[in-house]
Structures are given as C-alpha cells and as structure tokens.
Amino acid sequence: MLIPLPLAELDYSTTLKTAFYGLLAVGFLAAVVIGSIAWYNSKKPPGWEGAEKPDWVPGMDKEKSAKDSE
C-alpha cells in the first residue's frame, strides 16, 4: 500500500521556482550584509564623518591589509 506524499505531487517547475526564489533571497541578504560591512568600514560621505559603526560590523585593520598586499 502506497501512501501519497504531498511533495510527490509537486511538479518540477514548482521545485525550481522555490529553489530560485530561495537562492535569490539568500543572495540579496548576502549583498546587503557585505555592502553594509564595506560601507561602515569605508570613508564616510559628507555629513556622516562622526557616525559610529554598529557593534556587529567587524573592524578592519588598514595597515595590516596594506602590508599584506605588498
């Protein structure tokens, strides 16, 4: 006796759409997080010079990075 599974009834296009939208959401979230880290560690635009970065943004040592690239 076979038990019907709801997942077995899904066609391949539904699975692909779900995977695509999941990947799209994860990529967008990664872009926002990486962009935020880069922006907070860069030179601030006019008017934002005194802004402090949040605690969740990792610090970057500019001198160490410059020595590594030589």
PDB file of N, CA and C in Angstrom:
ATOM      1  N   MET A   1       0.850  -1.178   0.000  1.00  0.00           N
ATOM      2  CA  MET A   1       0.000   0.000   0.000  1.00  0.00           C
ATOM      3  C   MET A   1       0.897   1.243   0.000  1.00  0.00           C
ATOM      4  N   LEU A   2       0.717   2.085  -0.986  1.00  0.00           N
ATOM      5  CA  LEU A   2       1.498   3.310  -1.097  1.00  0.00           C
ATOM      6  C   LEU A   2       0.782   4.459  -0.406  1.00  0.00           C
ATOM      7  N   ILE A   3       1.551   5.239   0.305  1.00  0.00           N
ATOM      8  CA  ILE A   3       0.999   6.427   0.968  1.00  0.00           C
ATOM      9  C   ILE A   3       1.349   7.631   0.105  1.00  0.00           C
ATOM     10  N   PRO A   4       0.349   8.367  -0.356  1.00  0.00           N
ATOM     11  CA  PRO A   4       0.650   9.537  -1.195  1.00  0.00           C
ATOM     12  C   PRO A   4       1.309  10.647  -0.375  1.00  0.00           C
ATOM     13  N   LEU A   5       2.381  11.174  -0.903  1.00  0.00           N
ATOM     14  CA  LEU A   5       3.083  12.273  -0.241  1.00  0.00           C
ATOM     15  C   LEU A   5       2.785  13.575  -0.972  1.00  0.00           C
ATOM     16  N   PRO A   6       2.530  14.650  -0.237  1.00  0.00           N
ATOM     17  CA  PRO A   6       2.246  15.924  -0.902  1.00  0.00           C
ATOM     18  C   PRO A   6       3.416  16.409  -1.762  1.00  0.00           C
ATOM     19  N   LEU A   7       4.641  16.114  -1.341  1.00  0.00           N
ATOM     20  CA  LEU A   7       5.798  16.566  -2.112  1.00  0.00           C
ATOM     21  C   LEU A   7       5.894  15.850  -3.454  1.00  0.00           C
ATOM     22  N   ALA A   8       5.423  14.614  -3.502  1.00  0.00           N
ATOM     23  CA  ALA A   8       5.488  13.855  -4.744  1.00  0.00           C
ATOM     24  C   ALA A   8       4.540  14.424  -5.793  1.00  0.00           C
ATOM     25  N   GLU A   9       3.527  15.132  -5.352  1.00  0.00           N
ATOM     26  CA  GLU A   9       2.561  15.698  -6.281  1.00  0.00           C
ATOM     27  C   GLU A   9       3.055  16.992  -6.921  1.00  0.00           C
ATOM     28  N   LEU A  10       4.095  17.596  -6.350  1.00  0.00           N
ATOM     29  CA  LEU A  10       4.625  18.827  -6.920  1.00  0.00           C
ATOM     30  C   LEU A  10       5.347  18.515  -8.223  1.00  0.00           C
ATOM     31  N   ASP A  11       5.155  19.367  -9.189  1.00  0.00           N
ATOM     32  CA  ASP A  11       5.881  19.156 -10.433  1.00  0.00           C
ATOM     33  C   ASP A  11       7.252  19.825 -10.356  1.00  0.00           C
ATOM     34  N   TYR A  12       8.061  19.553 -11.342  1.00  0.00           N
ATOM     35  CA  TYR A  12       9.454  20.006 -11.334  1.00  0.00           C
ATOM     36  C   TYR A  12       9.569  21.528 -11.378  1.00  0.00           C
ATOM     37  N   SER A  13       8.667  22.213 -12.072  1.00  0.00           N
ATOM     38  CA  SER A  13       8.754  23.669 -12.184  1.00  0.00           C
ATOM     39  C   SER A  13       8.508  24.346 -10.839  1.00  0.00           C
ATOM     40  N   THR A  14       7.641  23.776 -10.019  1.00  0.00           N
ATOM     41  CA  THR A  14       7.401  24.339  -8.686  1.00  0.00           C
ATOM     42  C   THR A  14       8.656  24.227  -7.833  1.00  0.00           C
ATOM     43  N   THR A  15       9.327  23.097  -7.921  1.00  0.00           N
ATOM     44  CA  THR A  15      10.568  22.900  -7.171  1.00  0.00           C
ATOM     45  C   THR A  15      11.638  23.877  -7.640  1.00  0.00           C
ATOM     46  N   LEU A  16      11.752  24.068  -8.945  1.00  0.00           N
ATOM     47  CA  LEU A  16      12.744  25.006  -9.474  1.00  0.00           C
ATOM     48  C   LEU A  16      12.437  26.443  -9.059  1.00  0.00           C
ATOM     49  N   LYS A  17      11.165  26.821  -9.095  1.00  0.00           N
ATOM     50  CA  LYS A  17      10.788  28.171  -8.683  1.00  0.00           C
ATOM     51  C   LYS A  17      11.111  28.404  -7.215  1.00  0.00           C
ATOM     52  N   THR A  18      10.820  27.421  -6.375  1.00  0.00           N
ATOM     53  CA  THR A  18      11.114  27.542  -4.948  1.00  0.00           C
ATOM     54  C   THR A  18      12.616  27.678  -4.719  1.00  0.00           C
ATOM     55  N   ALA A  19      13.401  26.850  -5.396  1.00  0.00           N
ATOM     56  CA  ALA A  19      14.859  26.923  -5.260  1.00  0.00           C
ATOM     57  C   ALA A  19      15.384  28.261  -5.770  1.00  0.00           C
ATOM     58  N   PHE A  20      14.842  28.740  -6.878  1.00  0.00           N
ATOM     59  CA  PHE A  20      15.284  30.013  -7.447  1.00  0.00           C
ATOM     60  C   PHE A  20      14.991  31.170  -6.501  1.00  0.00           C
ATOM     61  N   TYR A  21      13.772  31.231  -5.979  1.00  0.00           N
ATOM     62  CA  TYR A  21      13.419  32.331  -5.081  1.00  0.00           C
ATOM     63  C   TYR A  21      14.176  32.249  -3.758  1.00  0.00           C
ATOM     64  N   GLY A  22      14.453  31.047  -3.296  1.00  0.00           N
ATOM     65  CA  GLY A  22      15.268  30.893  -2.095  1.00  0.00           C
ATOM     66  C   GLY A  22      16.683  31.395  -2.321  1.00  0.00           C
ATOM     67  N   LEU A  23      17.260  31.026  -3.455  1.00  0.00           N
ATOM     68  CA  LEU A  23      18.608  31.481  -3.800  1.00  0.00           C
ATOM     69  C   LEU A  23      18.644  32.990  -4.003  1.00  0.00           C
ATOM     70  N   LEU A  24      17.603  33.532  -4.600  1.00  0.00           N
ATOM     71  CA  LEU A  24      17.505  34.973  -4.805  1.00  0.00           C
ATOM     72  C   LEU A  24      17.458  35.713  -3.464  1.00  0.00           C
ATOM     73  N   ALA A  25      16.687  35.203  -2.522  1.00  0.00           N
ATOM     74  CA  ALA A  25      16.576  35.833  -1.205  1.00  0.00           C
ATOM     75  C   ALA A  25      17.899  35.759  -0.446  1.00  0.00           C
ATOM     76  N   VAL A  26      18.558  34.612  -0.490  1.00  0.00           N
ATOM     77  CA  VAL A  26      19.847  34.460   0.198  1.00  0.00           C
ATOM     78  C   VAL A  26      20.899  35.365  -0.439  1.00  0.00           C
ATOM     79  N   GLY A  27      20.911  35.468  -1.748  1.00  0.00           N
ATOM     80  CA  GLY A  27      21.862  36.343  -2.435  1.00  0.00           C
ATOM     81  C   GLY A  27      21.636  37.806  -2.113  1.00  0.00           C
ATOM     82  N   PHE A  28      20.370  38.212  -2.063  1.00  0.00           N
ATOM     83  CA  PHE A  28      20.061  39.599  -1.716  1.00  0.00           C
ATOM     84  C   PHE A  28      20.495  39.903  -0.288  1.00  0.00           C
ATOM     85  N   LEU A  29      20.214  38.992   0.630  1.00  0.00           N
ATOM     86  CA  LEU A  29      20.617  39.187   2.020  1.00  0.00           C
ATOM     87  C   LEU A  29      22.138  39.262   2.144  1.00  0.00           C
ATOM     88  N   ALA A  30      22.854  38.409   1.431  1.00  0.00           N
ATOM     89  CA  ALA A  30      24.319  38.440   1.461  1.00  0.00           C
ATOM     90  C   ALA A  30      24.848  39.751   0.893  1.00  0.00           C
ATOM     91  N   ALA A  31      24.249  40.242  -0.176  1.00  0.00           N
ATOM     92  CA  ALA A  31      24.683  41.510  -0.770  1.00  0.00           C
ATOM     93  C   ALA A  31      24.466  42.671   0.191  1.00  0.00           C
ATOM     94  N   VAL A  32      23.351  42.671   0.899  1.00  0.00           N
ATOM     95  CA  VAL A  32      23.068  43.742   1.859  1.00  0.00           C
ATOM     96  C   VAL A  32      24.062  43.697   3.015  1.00  0.00           C
ATOM     97  N   VAL A  33      24.332  42.512   3.544  1.00  0.00           N
ATOM     98  CA  VAL A  33      25.260  42.388   4.678  1.00  0.00           C
ATOM     99  C   VAL A  33      26.678  42.763   4.257  1.00  0.00           C
ATOM    100  N   ILE A  34      27.150  42.250   3.139  1.00  0.00           N
ATOM    101  CA  ILE A  34      28.511  42.561   2.676  1.00  0.00           C
ATOM    102  C   ILE A  34      28.632  44.038   2.322  1.00  0.00           C
ATOM    103  N   GLY A  35      27.618  44.600   1.691  1.00  0.00           N
ATOM    104  CA  GLY A  35      27.630  46.029   1.373  1.00  0.00           C
ATOM    105  C   GLY A  35      27.625  46.897   2.610  1.00  0.00           C
ATOM    106  N   SER A  36      26.882  46.490   3.634  1.00  0.00           N
ATOM    107  CA  SER A  36      26.852  47.255   4.884  1.00  0.00           C
ATOM    108  C   SER A  36      28.209  47.233   5.571  1.00  0.00           C
ATOM    109  N   ILE A  37      28.833  46.070   5.607  1.00  0.00           N
ATOM    110  CA  ILE A  37      30.164  45.970   6.221  1.00  0.00           C
ATOM    111  C   ILE A  37      31.160  46.834   5.459  1.00  0.00           C
ATOM    112  N   ALA A  38      31.125  46.788   4.144  1.00  0.00           N
ATOM    113  CA  ALA A  38      32.039  47.602   3.339  1.00  0.00           C
ATOM    114  C   ALA A  38      31.776  49.088   3.541  1.00  0.00           C
ATOM    115  N   TRP A  39      30.516  49.484   3.607  1.00  0.00           N
ATOM    116  CA  TRP A  39      30.187  50.902   3.767  1.00  0.00           C
ATOM    117  C   TRP A  39      30.611  51.412   5.137  1.00  0.00           C
ATOM    118  N   TYR A  40      30.357  50.642   6.185  1.00  0.00           N
ATOM    119  CA  TYR A  40      30.724  51.086   7.525  1.00  0.00           C
ATOM    120  C   TYR A  40      32.231  51.139   7.718  1.00  0.00           C
ATOM    121  N   ASN A  41      32.995  50.351   6.982  1.00  0.00           N
ATOM    122  CA  ASN A  41      34.449  50.357   7.112  1.00  0.00           C
ATOM    123  C   ASN A  41      35.129  51.286   6.115  1.00  0.00           C
ATOM    124  N   SER A  42      34.374  51.982   5.295  1.00  0.00           N
ATOM    125  CA  SER A  42      34.957  52.889   4.311  1.00  0.00           C
ATOM    126  C   SER A  42      34.946  54.324   4.840  1.00  0.00           C
ATOM    127  N   LYS A  43      35.526  55.213   4.046  1.00  0.00           N
ATOM    128  CA  LYS A  43      35.485  56.629   4.387  1.00  0.00           C
ATOM    129  C   LYS A  43      34.041  57.105   4.257  1.00  0.00           C
ATOM    130  N   LYS A  44      33.581  57.808   5.255  1.00  0.00           N
ATOM    131  CA  LYS A  44      32.176  58.222   5.278  1.00  0.00           C
ATOM    132  C   LYS A  44      31.925  59.399   4.344  1.00  0.00           C
ATOM    133  N   PRO A  45      30.759  59.448   3.740  1.00  0.00           N
ATOM    134  CA  PRO A  45      30.400  60.584   2.893  1.00  0.00           C
ATOM    135  C   PRO A  45      30.174  61.836   3.734  1.00  0.00           C
ATOM    136  N   PRO A  46      30.148  63.017   3.121  1.00  0.00           N
ATOM    137  CA  PRO A  46      29.931  64.252   3.875  1.00  0.00           C
ATOM    138  C   PRO A  46      28.656  64.180   4.718  1.00  0.00           C
ATOM    139  N   GLY A  47      28.805  64.563   5.974  1.00  0.00           N
ATOM    140  CA  GLY A  47      27.681  64.530   6.893  1.00  0.00           C
ATOM    141  C   GLY A  47      27.645  63.282   7.754  1.00  0.00           C
ATOM    142  N   TRP A  48      28.419  62.265   7.398  1.00  0.00           N
ATOM    143  CA  TRP A  48      28.428  61.013   8.152  1.00  0.00           C
ATOM    144  C   TRP A  48      29.779  60.760   8.831  1.00  0.00           C
ATOM    145  N   GLU A  49      30.667  61.760   8.854  1.00  0.00           N
ATOM    146  CA  GLU A  49      32.018  61.547   9.383  1.00  0.00           C
ATOM    147  C   GLU A  49      32.015  61.113  10.846  1.00  0.00           C
ATOM    148  N   GLY A  50      31.104  61.656  11.644  1.00  0.00           N
ATOM    149  CA  GLY A  50      31.082  61.347  13.073  1.00  0.00           C
ATOM    150  C   GLY A  50      30.261  60.127  13.419  1.00  0.00           C
ATOM    151  N   ALA A  51      29.693  59.461  12.441  1.00  0.00           N
ATOM    152  CA  ALA A  51      28.838  58.303  12.718  1.00  0.00           C
ATOM    153  C   ALA A  51      29.687  57.128  13.185  1.00  0.00           C
ATOM    154  N   GLU A  52      29.213  56.462  14.235  1.00  0.00           N
ATOM    155  CA  GLU A  52      29.920  55.290  14.732  1.00  0.00           C
ATOM    156  C   GLU A  52      29.332  54.041  14.095  1.00  0.00           C
ATOM    157  N   LYS A  53      30.194  53.060  13.877  1.00  0.00           N
ATOM    158  CA  LYS A  53      29.700  51.830  13.274  1.00  0.00           C
ATOM    159  C   LYS A  53      29.043  50.956  14.341  1.00  0.00           C
ATOM    160  N   PRO A  54      28.076  50.146  13.952  1.00  0.00           N
ATOM    161  CA  PRO A  54      27.410  49.250  14.902  1.00  0.00           C
ATOM    162  C   PRO A  54      28.370  48.186  15.430  1.00  0.00           C
ATOM    163  N   ASP A  55      28.000  47.564  16.540  1.00  0.00           N
ATOM    164  CA  ASP A  55      28.856  46.546  17.155  1.00  0.00           C
ATOM    165  C   ASP A  55      28.984  45.283  16.302  1.00  0.00           C
ATOM    166  N   TRP A  56      27.988  45.003  15.472  1.00  0.00           N
ATOM    167  CA  TRP A  56      28.016  43.758  14.705  1.00  0.00           C
ATOM    168  C   TRP A  56      28.931  43.833  13.487  1.00  0.00           C
ATOM    169  N   VAL A  57      29.429  45.031  13.143  1.00  0.00           N
ATOM    170  CA  VAL A  57      30.316  45.180  11.986  1.00  0.00           C
ATOM    171  C   VAL A  57      31.750  44.898  12.425  1.00  0.00           C
ATOM    172  N   PRO A  58      32.419  43.917  11.808  1.00  0.00           N
ATOM    173  CA  PRO A  58      33.794  43.623  12.205  1.00  0.00           C
ATOM    174  C   PRO A  58      34.744  44.734  11.781  1.00  0.00           C
ATOM    175  N   GLY A  59      35.729  45.011  12.624  1.00  0.00           N
ATOM    176  CA  GLY A  59      36.718  46.030  12.301  1.00  0.00           C
ATOM    177  C   GLY A  59      37.744  45.492  11.319  1.00  0.00           C
ATOM    178  N   MET A  60      38.331  46.408  10.553  1.00  0.00           N
ATOM    179  CA  MET A  60      39.354  46.009   9.593  1.00  0.00           C
ATOM    180  C   MET A  60      40.585  46.870   9.830  1.00  0.00           C
ATOM    181  N   ASP A  61      41.746  46.233   9.907  1.00  0.00           N
ATOM    182  CA  ASP A  61      42.996  46.936  10.128  1.00  0.00           C
ATOM    183  C   ASP A  61      43.569  47.338   8.772  1.00  0.00           C
ATOM    184  N   LYS A  62      43.553  48.645   8.469  1.00  0.00           N
ATOM    185  CA  LYS A  62      44.001  49.114   7.156  1.00  0.00           C
ATOM    186  C   LYS A  62      45.504  48.930   6.971  1.00  0.00           C
ATOM    187  N   GLU A  63      46.290  49.134   8.034  1.00  0.00           N
ATOM    188  CA  GLU A  63      47.740  48.991   7.921  1.00  0.00           C
ATOM    189  C   GLU A  63      48.122  47.542   7.647  1.00  0.00           C
ATOM    190  N   LYS A  64      47.468  46.613   8.316  1.00  0.00           N
ATOM    191  CA  LYS A  64      47.765  45.204   8.113  1.00  0.00           C
ATOM    192  C   LYS A  64      47.401  44.777   6.695  1.00  0.00           C
ATOM    193  N   SER A  65      46.292  45.275   6.185  1.00  0.00           N
ATOM    194  CA  SER A  65      45.871  44.934   4.825  1.00  0.00           C
ATOM    195  C   SER A  65      46.847  45.492   3.796  1.00  0.00           C
ATOM    196  N   ALA A  66      47.376  46.688   4.034  1.00  0.00           N
ATOM    197  CA  ALA A  66      48.317  47.298   3.097  1.00  0.00           C
ATOM    198  C   ALA A  66      49.635  46.525   3.072  1.00  0.00           C
ATOM    199  N   LYS A  67      50.087  46.036   4.232  1.00  0.00           N
ATOM    200  CA  LYS A  67      51.332  45.273   4.284  1.00  0.00           C
ATOM    201  C   LYS A  67      51.178  43.920   3.604  1.00  0.00           C
ATOM    202  N   ASP A  68      50.004  43.320   3.729  1.00  0.00           N
ATOM    203  CA  ASP A  68      49.773  42.016   3.111  1.00  0.00           C
ATOM    204  C   ASP A  68      49.768  42.094   1.593  1.00  0.00           C
ATOM    205  N   SER A  69      49.349  43.221   1.047  1.00  0.00           N
ATOM    206  CA  SER A  69      49.250  43.344  -0.407  1.00  0.00           C
ATOM    207  C   SER A  69      50.597  43.612  -1.067  1.00  0.00           C
ATOM    208  N   GLU A  70      51.599  43.985  -0.302  1.00  0.00           N
ATOM    209  CA  GLU A  70      52.925  44.278  -0.875  1.00  0.00           C
ATOM    210  C   GLU A  70      53.708  43.032  -1.172  1.00  0.00           C
TER     211      GLU A  70
END
